[in-house]
Amino acid sequence: MSLNSTPSAERIHISFFGRTNAGKSSLINAITNQNLSIVSDIKGTTTDPVYKAMEILPLGPVMLADTPGFDDESALGSLRIKKTKEVLTKTDIAILVADASLGLSEYDRQLISLFEEKNIKYIIAYNKADLIDIKDIQKNKSGNEIYVSAKDLTNINELKGLIASFKEAENNKRLIGDIVKPNEIVILVTPIDSAAPKGRLILPQQQVIRDLLEAGAITTVIKETELKQTLELIKPMLVITDSQAFKKVNEETPEDVLLTSFSILFAKYKGVLETAVKGVKAINNLKDGDNILIAEGCTHHRQCDDIGTVKLPKWLQNYTGKSLNFDFSSGTGFPDDLSKYKMIIHCGGCMLKEQEVLYRYDMAVTQNIPISNYGITIAYINGILKRSIKIFPEIYSILY
């Protein structure tokens, strides 16, 4: 991700759904005035969800998603429909594209039921309005319906205006800026090892730095090898560390200085901190042969010392003294059936929309599977979880 790009998780996700050949791809191209999606008269041209990050005025940074036809009856249709449903977990505004000459089908009504079940704001865009006389029909349409034509661009600007009216109020949630006061000193510990991306900071570090700058804090960014010397020069209000360096940073940070990690901040930011802290205690109940799912929200090239597939399994087995089995998921590959697992450990979710993180945690809770995240797990097995959440008094008071 570019340092100058709005992260995917912070963009408004606008997803286009509907039957095959309703004109979803054509409508996206008309709205963006670009050929972002392949258009064809052949049914099933869009085989997997296609995402495109861009800026659309007056919305600002958005992520557009073009989905396969919901009525796909091909051999791969069920898989395509499953992928389409996965898109719903990250959708802010759904656009149901229906063929104006045919009206709503049973498949369209199924999609509407899914939108309403998940409390997703939606618009019904009757495409191909150039094929019918829409004057009388428009008089009876509801506030979330509009007749458009991707072919001759009828009501395209009006559709964009309707989408903009559905935009939620600005999200005022903060990663850390609601806790740190102007001119307070914060040290960020960001290890630079073989797993660190060349030439840039990882997304959680970028976002925390931005939030601290907005809060007017005095921010110092160092490697873990420089912490001791830095603490001899300045007395910070807070130290935020990469979770992998938690043990060393805890040992070197004075007790009267608050300490937490980037991953724990994201648990708070995504609204799952309390659930994750409660879930981590399941580690003490693990037995030989238990299955653990380690899940990540993004896909990336695995390093030889990857935290998810190498370090966490090693640390968990050392801490528990048990022989554990590990499964790994990444990107959209989070399983629906979690019954085989005794515990789930998820990444911080920086690349995921808040509703997708909440969806995954809710799935685990509903199936009675304890779930936590990387930072909270690492803090727990190093005996410093209590200290690392002291910065959040509302959560600390509930759990301790």
Protein backbone atom coordinates (compact mmCIF):
# COMPACT_ATOMS: atom_id res chain seq x y z
CA MET A 1 0.00 0.00 0.00
CA SER A 2 1.32 3.45 -0.91
CA LEU A 3 2.01 5.87 1.93
CA ASN A 4 -0.32 8.29 0.12
CA SER A 5 -3.22 5.89 -0.41
CA THR A 6 -6.29 5.55 1.78
CA PRO A 7 -6.23 1.99 3.22
CA SER A 8 -8.82 -0.40 1.84
CA ALA A 9 -10.36 -0.87 5.28
CA GLU A 10 -10.98 2.88 5.57
CA ARG A 11 -12.70 3.24 2.17
CA ILE A 12 -16.44 3.14 1.55
CA HIS A 13 -17.14 -0.27 0.03
CA ILE A 14 -19.77 -0.11 -2.71
CA SER A 15 -20.71 -3.53 -4.11
CA PHE A 16 -22.78 -4.33 -7.18
CA PHE A 17 -25.01 -7.41 -7.08
CA GLY A 18 -27.61 -8.94 -9.37
CA ARG A 19 -28.38 -11.58 -11.96
CA THR A 20 -26.10 -12.46 -14.84
CA ASN A 21 -26.33 -9.95 -17.69
CA ALA A 22 -28.26 -7.39 -15.64
CA GLY A 23 -25.46 -4.99 -16.53
CA LYS A 24 -23.49 -4.76 -13.29
CA SER A 25 -20.13 -4.38 -15.02
CA SER A 26 -21.51 -1.90 -17.57
CA LEU A 27 -22.99 0.20 -14.77
CA ILE A 28 -19.70 0.30 -12.88
CA ASN A 29 -17.96 1.45 -16.05
CA ALA A 30 -20.60 4.15 -16.55
CA ILE A 31 -20.34 5.42 -12.96
CA THR A 32 -16.54 5.58 -13.03
CA ASN A 33 -16.28 6.64 -16.68
CA GLN A 34 -13.61 3.95 -17.02
CA ASN A 35 -13.49 0.41 -18.40
CA LEU A 36 -12.86 -1.20 -15.03
CA SER A 37 -14.93 -4.33 -15.61
CA ILE A 38 -15.07 -6.64 -18.63
CA VAL A 39 -18.38 -6.32 -20.44
CA SER A 40 -19.85 -9.05 -22.64
CA ASP A 41 -23.21 -10.40 -23.77
CA ILE A 42 -21.99 -13.85 -22.72
CA LYS A 43 -23.48 -14.86 -19.38
CA GLY A 44 -21.05 -15.36 -16.51
CA THR A 45 -18.31 -13.05 -17.80
CA THR A 46 -17.55 -11.93 -14.23
CA THR A 47 -16.36 -15.14 -12.56
CA ASP A 48 -14.98 -13.81 -9.27
CA PRO A 49 -15.50 -10.58 -7.32
CA VAL A 50 -13.42 -7.80 -8.84
CA TYR A 51 -12.27 -4.93 -6.60
CA LYS A 52 -11.09 -1.50 -7.64
CA ALA A 53 -9.94 1.28 -5.31
CA MET A 54 -10.54 4.79 -6.62
CA GLU A 55 -11.89 8.25 -5.82
CA ILE A 56 -15.47 9.15 -6.78
CA LEU A 57 -16.82 12.62 -6.03
CA PRO A 58 -18.63 13.49 -3.85
CA LEU A 59 -17.94 10.24 -1.96
CA GLY A 60 -14.14 10.42 -1.82
CA PRO A 61 -12.05 7.22 -1.51
CA VAL A 62 -14.13 4.13 -2.32
CA MET A 63 -13.68 0.45 -3.07
CA LEU A 64 -15.93 -0.84 -5.83
CA ALA A 65 -16.78 -4.54 -6.06
CA ASP A 66 -18.23 -6.23 -9.14
CA THR A 67 -19.72 -9.63 -8.29
CA PRO A 68 -20.67 -12.70 -10.35
CA GLY A 69 -24.30 -13.23 -11.28
CA PHE A 70 -26.33 -14.47 -8.33
CA ASP A 71 -28.32 -16.79 -10.60
CA ASP A 72 -25.22 -18.50 -12.01
CA GLU A 73 -26.22 -22.09 -12.83
CA SER A 74 -22.90 -23.18 -14.30
CA ALA A 75 -20.75 -25.94 -12.79
CA LEU A 76 -18.93 -23.32 -10.72
CA GLY A 77 -22.08 -21.38 -9.90
CA SER A 78 -22.31 -22.41 -6.25
CA LEU A 79 -18.72 -21.33 -5.65
CA ARG A 80 -19.35 -18.01 -7.36
CA ILE A 81 -22.45 -17.40 -5.25
CA LYS A 82 -20.43 -18.22 -2.12
CA LYS A 83 -17.86 -15.61 -3.17
CA THR A 84 -20.66 -13.12 -3.76
CA LYS A 85 -21.99 -13.67 -0.25
CA GLU A 86 -18.49 -13.13 1.16
CA VAL A 87 -18.49 -9.67 -0.41
CA LEU A 88 -21.50 -8.78 1.76
CA THR A 89 -19.38 -8.99 4.91
CA LYS A 90 -17.37 -5.94 3.81
CA THR A 91 -20.07 -3.96 2.00
CA ASP A 92 -21.18 -0.50 3.18
CA ILE A 93 -23.58 0.24 0.32
CA ALA A 94 -25.07 -2.47 -1.92
CA ILE A 95 -26.28 -1.70 -5.44
CA LEU A 96 -28.76 -4.28 -6.70
CA VAL A 97 -28.67 -4.07 -10.49
CA ALA A 98 -31.91 -5.39 -12.00
CA ASP A 99 -33.00 -5.55 -15.63
CA ALA A 100 -35.60 -2.77 -16.02
CA SER A 101 -37.40 -4.69 -18.77
CA LEU A 102 -37.84 -7.74 -16.52
CA GLY A 103 -38.33 -6.23 -13.07
CA LEU A 104 -37.27 -7.92 -9.85
CA SER A 105 -36.65 -11.66 -10.02
CA GLU A 106 -36.72 -14.19 -7.20
CA TYR A 107 -32.91 -14.02 -7.14
CA ASP A 108 -33.10 -10.24 -6.71
CA ARG A 109 -35.52 -10.66 -3.80
CA GLN A 110 -33.14 -13.13 -2.18
CA LEU A 111 -30.40 -10.53 -2.37
CA ILE A 112 -32.68 -7.88 -0.85
CA SER A 113 -33.40 -10.26 2.02
CA LEU A 114 -29.65 -10.70 2.58
CA PHE A 115 -29.09 -6.92 2.56
CA GLU A 116 -31.84 -6.41 5.13
CA GLU A 117 -30.71 -9.35 7.25
CA LYS A 118 -27.21 -7.83 7.47
CA ASN A 119 -28.49 -4.25 7.86
CA ILE A 120 -26.72 -3.15 4.68
CA LYS A 121 -27.96 0.02 3.02
CA TYR A 122 -29.00 -0.75 -0.53
CA ILE A 123 -30.15 0.85 -3.76
CA ILE A 124 -32.12 -0.89 -6.50
CA ALA A 125 -30.80 0.31 -9.86
CA TYR A 126 -33.08 -0.75 -12.72
CA ASN A 127 -30.59 -0.85 -15.58
CA LYS A 128 -31.38 -0.92 -19.34
CA ALA A 129 -33.99 1.84 -18.90
CA ASP A 130 -33.32 2.72 -22.53
CA LEU A 131 -35.41 -0.34 -23.45
CA ILE A 132 -38.61 0.86 -21.73
CA ASP A 133 -40.69 3.99 -21.14
CA ILE A 134 -39.73 4.93 -17.60
CA LYS A 135 -41.86 8.08 -17.16
CA ASP A 136 -44.88 6.40 -15.56
CA ILE A 137 -42.81 3.80 -13.70
CA GLN A 138 -40.62 6.42 -12.01
CA LYS A 139 -43.64 8.05 -10.36
CA ASN A 140 -44.19 4.94 -8.22
CA LYS A 141 -40.61 4.11 -7.27
CA SER A 142 -39.43 4.26 -3.65
CA GLY A 143 -36.61 6.41 -2.27
CA ASN A 144 -33.94 3.75 -2.79
CA GLU A 145 -34.91 2.90 -6.38
CA ILE A 146 -33.71 4.51 -9.60
CA TYR A 147 -34.00 3.76 -13.33
CA VAL A 148 -30.71 4.06 -15.20
CA SER A 149 -29.08 3.14 -18.46
CA ALA A 150 -25.42 2.26 -18.63
CA LYS A 151 -25.75 2.37 -22.41
CA ASP A 152 -26.91 5.99 -22.86
CA LEU A 153 -25.92 7.19 -19.34
CA THR A 154 -29.49 8.01 -18.27
CA ASN A 155 -29.60 9.02 -14.57
CA ILE A 156 -25.99 8.00 -13.93
CA ASN A 157 -25.22 11.26 -12.12
CA GLU A 158 -28.48 10.89 -10.21
CA LEU A 159 -27.40 7.40 -9.13
CA LYS A 160 -24.08 8.76 -7.89
CA GLY A 161 -25.98 11.40 -5.93
CA LEU A 162 -28.21 8.72 -4.40
CA ILE A 163 -25.17 6.67 -3.40
CA ALA A 164 -23.63 9.78 -1.83
CA SER A 165 -26.81 10.37 0.20
CA PHE A 166 -26.43 6.86 1.65
CA LYS A 167 -22.93 7.60 2.89
CA GLU A 168 -22.74 7.36 6.66
CA ALA A 169 -21.54 10.21 8.81
CA GLU A 170 -17.77 10.48 9.14
CA ASN A 171 -16.33 7.77 11.37
CA ASN A 172 -14.91 9.53 14.42
CA LYS A 173 -13.37 6.42 15.95
CA ARG A 174 -9.68 6.79 16.71
CA LEU A 175 -6.87 4.30 17.07
CA ILE A 176 -5.11 6.19 19.85
CA GLY A 177 -5.90 9.89 19.33
CA ASP A 178 -8.79 9.75 21.79
CA ILE A 179 -6.40 8.73 24.58
CA VAL A 180 -3.23 10.69 23.94
CA LYS A 181 -3.27 14.43 24.64
CA PRO A 182 -1.42 17.14 22.65
CA ASN A 183 2.34 17.31 23.38
CA GLU A 184 2.38 13.96 25.21
CA ILE A 185 5.33 11.82 24.13
CA VAL A 186 4.71 8.43 22.50
CA ILE A 187 7.43 6.01 21.45
CA LEU A 188 6.66 3.58 18.62
CA VAL A 189 8.80 0.45 18.50
CA THR A 190 8.92 -0.87 14.93
CA PRO A 191 11.33 -3.78 14.37
CA ILE A 192 13.02 -3.90 10.97
CA ASP A 193 13.70 -7.58 10.30
CA SER A 194 13.50 -9.96 7.34
CA ALA A 195 9.68 -9.89 7.48
CA ALA A 196 9.48 -6.08 7.31
CA PRO A 197 8.47 -4.74 3.87
CA LYS A 198 11.35 -3.15 2.01
CA GLY A 199 11.31 0.63 1.95
CA ARG A 200 8.14 1.22 3.98
CA LEU A 201 6.34 0.73 7.28
CA ILE A 202 3.51 -1.77 7.62
CA LEU A 203 -0.05 -0.44 7.56
CA PRO A 204 -0.78 -0.49 11.34
CA GLN A 205 2.34 1.57 11.98
CA GLN A 206 1.41 4.06 9.26
CA GLN A 207 -2.10 4.51 10.61
CA VAL A 208 -1.04 4.92 14.23
CA ILE A 209 1.56 7.52 13.26
CA ARG A 210 -1.08 9.46 11.32
CA ASP A 211 -3.51 9.32 14.25
CA LEU A 212 -0.85 10.51 16.70
CA LEU A 213 0.05 13.41 14.42
CA GLU A 214 -3.61 14.43 14.26
CA ALA A 215 -3.74 14.28 18.06
CA GLY A 216 -0.76 16.64 18.34
CA ALA A 217 1.38 14.08 20.14
CA ILE A 218 5.17 14.09 20.05
CA THR A 219 5.97 10.88 18.23
CA THR A 220 9.30 9.05 18.22
CA VAL A 221 9.75 6.01 15.96
CA ILE A 222 12.59 3.59 16.78
CA LYS A 223 13.71 -0.01 16.41
CA GLU A 224 13.56 -2.29 19.43
CA THR A 225 17.35 -2.18 19.71
CA GLU A 226 17.19 1.57 20.39
CA LEU A 227 14.53 1.57 23.11
CA LYS A 228 16.81 1.46 26.14
CA GLN A 229 18.92 4.40 24.96
CA THR A 230 15.83 6.37 23.95
CA LEU A 231 14.25 5.93 27.38
CA GLU A 232 17.41 7.39 28.94
CA LEU A 233 16.81 10.55 26.91
CA ILE A 234 13.03 11.01 27.17
CA LYS A 235 10.18 9.94 29.46
CA PRO A 236 7.14 8.97 27.31
CA MET A 237 3.54 8.76 28.38
CA LEU A 238 3.14 5.59 26.26
CA VAL A 239 5.15 2.99 24.36
CA ILE A 240 3.46 1.19 21.45
CA THR A 241 5.31 -1.85 20.14
CA ASP A 242 5.08 -4.41 17.42
CA SER A 243 3.74 -7.48 19.22
CA GLN A 244 6.73 -9.61 18.22
CA ALA A 245 8.98 -7.43 20.41
CA PHE A 246 6.55 -7.37 23.35
CA LYS A 247 8.74 -9.32 25.78
CA LYS A 248 11.89 -7.24 25.28
CA VAL A 249 10.01 -3.94 25.23
CA ASN A 250 8.14 -4.82 28.42
CA GLU A 251 11.40 -5.61 30.21
CA GLU A 252 12.96 -2.29 29.23
CA THR A 253 9.94 0.01 29.71
CA PRO A 254 9.53 1.44 33.25
CA GLU A 255 6.39 0.32 35.10
CA ASP A 256 5.08 3.88 35.34
CA VAL A 257 4.99 4.15 31.52
CA LEU A 258 1.93 2.78 29.72
CA LEU A 259 2.58 -0.02 27.23
CA THR A 260 0.51 -1.61 24.48
CA SER A 261 0.90 -2.93 20.91
CA PHE A 262 -0.30 -2.01 17.43
CA SER A 263 -2.35 -5.21 17.26
CA ILE A 264 -4.12 -4.45 20.55
CA LEU A 265 -4.92 -0.93 19.34
CA PHE A 266 -6.57 -2.44 16.27
CA ALA A 267 -8.65 -4.80 18.44
CA LYS A 268 -9.97 -1.72 20.21
CA TYR A 269 -10.44 0.18 16.93
CA LYS A 270 -12.36 -2.69 15.29
CA GLY A 271 -14.59 -3.16 18.35
CA VAL A 272 -13.44 -6.64 19.42
CA LEU A 273 -11.05 -5.92 22.30
CA GLU A 274 -13.24 -7.26 25.09
CA THR A 275 -14.09 -10.46 23.18
CA ALA A 276 -10.43 -11.02 22.26
CA VAL A 277 -9.19 -10.55 25.84
CA LYS A 278 -11.80 -12.96 27.17
CA GLY A 279 -11.06 -15.46 24.41
CA VAL A 280 -7.30 -15.61 24.98
CA LYS A 281 -7.76 -17.37 28.31
CA ALA A 282 -8.79 -20.51 26.40
CA ILE A 283 -5.06 -21.11 25.89
CA ASN A 284 -4.92 -22.57 29.40
CA ASN A 285 -7.46 -25.25 28.46
CA LEU A 286 -5.73 -26.54 25.34
CA LYS A 287 -4.91 -30.25 25.18
CA ASP A 288 -2.73 -32.47 23.03
CA GLY A 289 -4.17 -32.82 19.53
CA ASP A 290 -6.40 -29.72 19.73
CA ASN A 291 -6.90 -27.81 16.48
CA ILE A 292 -6.07 -24.10 16.35
CA LEU A 293 -6.99 -21.77 13.47
CA ILE A 294 -4.59 -18.90 12.82
CA ALA A 295 -6.33 -16.42 10.51
CA GLU A 296 -5.10 -13.38 8.63
CA GLY A 297 -7.15 -10.80 6.79
CA CYS A 298 -4.67 -10.29 3.97
CA THR A 299 -2.46 -12.41 1.76
CA HIS A 300 1.28 -11.90 1.61
CA HIS A 301 4.45 -13.77 0.80
CA ARG A 302 5.43 -15.92 3.78
CA GLN A 303 8.88 -15.38 5.26
CA CYS A 304 10.93 -18.09 6.95
CA ASP A 305 10.16 -16.51 10.34
CA ASP A 306 6.55 -15.53 9.56
CA ILE A 307 4.63 -14.62 12.71
CA GLY A 308 1.42 -16.43 11.80
CA THR A 309 2.72 -19.72 10.45
CA VAL A 310 6.01 -20.03 12.34
CA LYS A 311 6.38 -17.90 15.46
CA LEU A 312 2.88 -18.12 16.96
CA PRO A 313 2.63 -21.92 16.67
CA LYS A 314 6.07 -22.26 18.28
CA TRP A 315 5.26 -19.85 21.12
CA LEU A 316 1.89 -21.51 21.81
CA GLN A 317 3.36 -25.00 21.98
CA ASN A 318 6.19 -23.81 24.22
CA TYR A 319 3.74 -22.03 26.54
CA THR A 320 1.20 -24.85 26.78
CA GLY A 321 3.62 -27.76 26.59
CA LYS A 322 1.05 -29.44 24.31
CA SER A 323 1.27 -30.90 20.83
CA LEU A 324 -1.21 -28.76 18.87
CA ASN A 325 -2.47 -28.90 15.29
CA PHE A 326 -2.60 -25.66 13.30
CA ASP A 327 -4.65 -24.60 10.29
CA PHE A 328 -4.04 -21.30 8.52
CA SER A 329 -6.37 -19.04 6.56
CA SER A 330 -5.72 -15.76 4.80
CA GLY A 331 -7.61 -13.16 2.82
CA THR A 332 -11.24 -14.11 2.29
CA GLY A 333 -10.60 -17.75 3.18
CA PHE A 334 -12.11 -17.63 6.70
CA PRO A 335 -14.12 -20.88 7.09
CA ASP A 336 -17.86 -20.94 7.79
CA ASP A 337 -17.72 -24.06 9.97
CA LEU A 338 -15.41 -23.52 12.95
CA SER A 339 -16.52 -26.55 14.95
CA LYS A 340 -13.20 -28.44 14.62
CA TYR A 341 -11.26 -25.69 16.40
CA LYS A 342 -10.65 -25.21 20.11
CA MET A 343 -9.44 -21.67 19.54
CA ILE A 344 -8.98 -19.02 16.82
CA ILE A 345 -6.16 -16.49 16.79
CA HIS A 346 -6.74 -13.69 14.29
CA CYS A 347 -4.42 -10.96 13.03
CA GLY A 348 -5.14 -7.35 13.94
CA GLY A 349 -7.40 -7.00 10.90
CA CYS A 350 -5.86 -3.78 9.59
CA MET A 351 -6.78 -4.70 6.00
CA LEU A 352 -10.37 -5.66 6.87
CA LYS A 353 -13.45 -3.49 7.20
CA GLU A 354 -14.73 -3.24 10.77
CA GLN A 355 -17.93 -5.09 9.87
CA GLU A 356 -15.91 -7.98 8.42
CA VAL A 357 -13.83 -8.28 11.59
CA LEU A 358 -17.02 -8.17 13.69
CA TYR A 359 -18.59 -10.78 11.40
CA ARG A 360 -15.70 -13.18 11.95
CA TYR A 361 -15.71 -12.66 15.71
CA ASP A 362 -19.50 -13.06 15.83
CA MET A 363 -19.21 -16.32 13.87
CA ALA A 364 -16.76 -17.64 16.46
CA VAL A 365 -18.86 -16.51 19.43
CA THR A 366 -22.02 -17.96 17.90
CA GLN A 367 -20.27 -21.32 17.45
CA ASN A 368 -18.81 -21.13 21.00
CA ILE A 369 -15.21 -20.99 19.77
CA PRO A 370 -12.88 -18.69 21.77
CA ILE A 371 -11.20 -16.09 19.56
CA SER A 372 -8.37 -13.66 20.20
CA ASN A 373 -5.76 -11.79 18.18
CA TYR A 374 -2.00 -11.85 17.68
CA GLY A 375 -1.05 -9.03 20.03
CA ILE A 376 -3.31 -10.10 22.88
CA THR A 377 -2.10 -13.70 22.59
CA ILE A 378 1.57 -12.69 22.63
CA ALA A 379 1.00 -10.38 25.61
CA TYR A 380 -0.85 -13.16 27.47
CA ILE A 381 1.77 -15.86 27.03
CA ASN A 382 4.44 -13.37 28.16
CA GLY A 383 2.46 -12.45 31.28
CA ILE A 384 1.94 -8.80 30.31
CA LEU A 385 -1.67 -8.71 29.08
CA LYS A 386 -2.91 -6.88 32.18
CA ARG A 387 -0.33 -4.15 31.66
CA SER A 388 -0.97 -3.88 27.93
CA ILE A 389 -4.69 -3.07 28.27
CA LYS A 390 -4.36 -0.74 31.26
CA ILE A 391 -4.53 2.13 28.78
CA PHE A 392 -8.19 1.22 28.13
CA PRO A 393 -9.88 1.77 31.54
CA GLU A 394 -13.35 0.79 30.31
CA ILE A 395 -12.08 -2.67 29.28
CA TYR A 396 -9.59 -2.99 32.12
CA SER A 397 -12.31 -2.43 34.74
CA ILE A 398 -14.47 -5.19 33.24
CA LEU A 399 -11.72 -7.79 33.09
CA TYR A 400 -9.65 -7.02 36.18
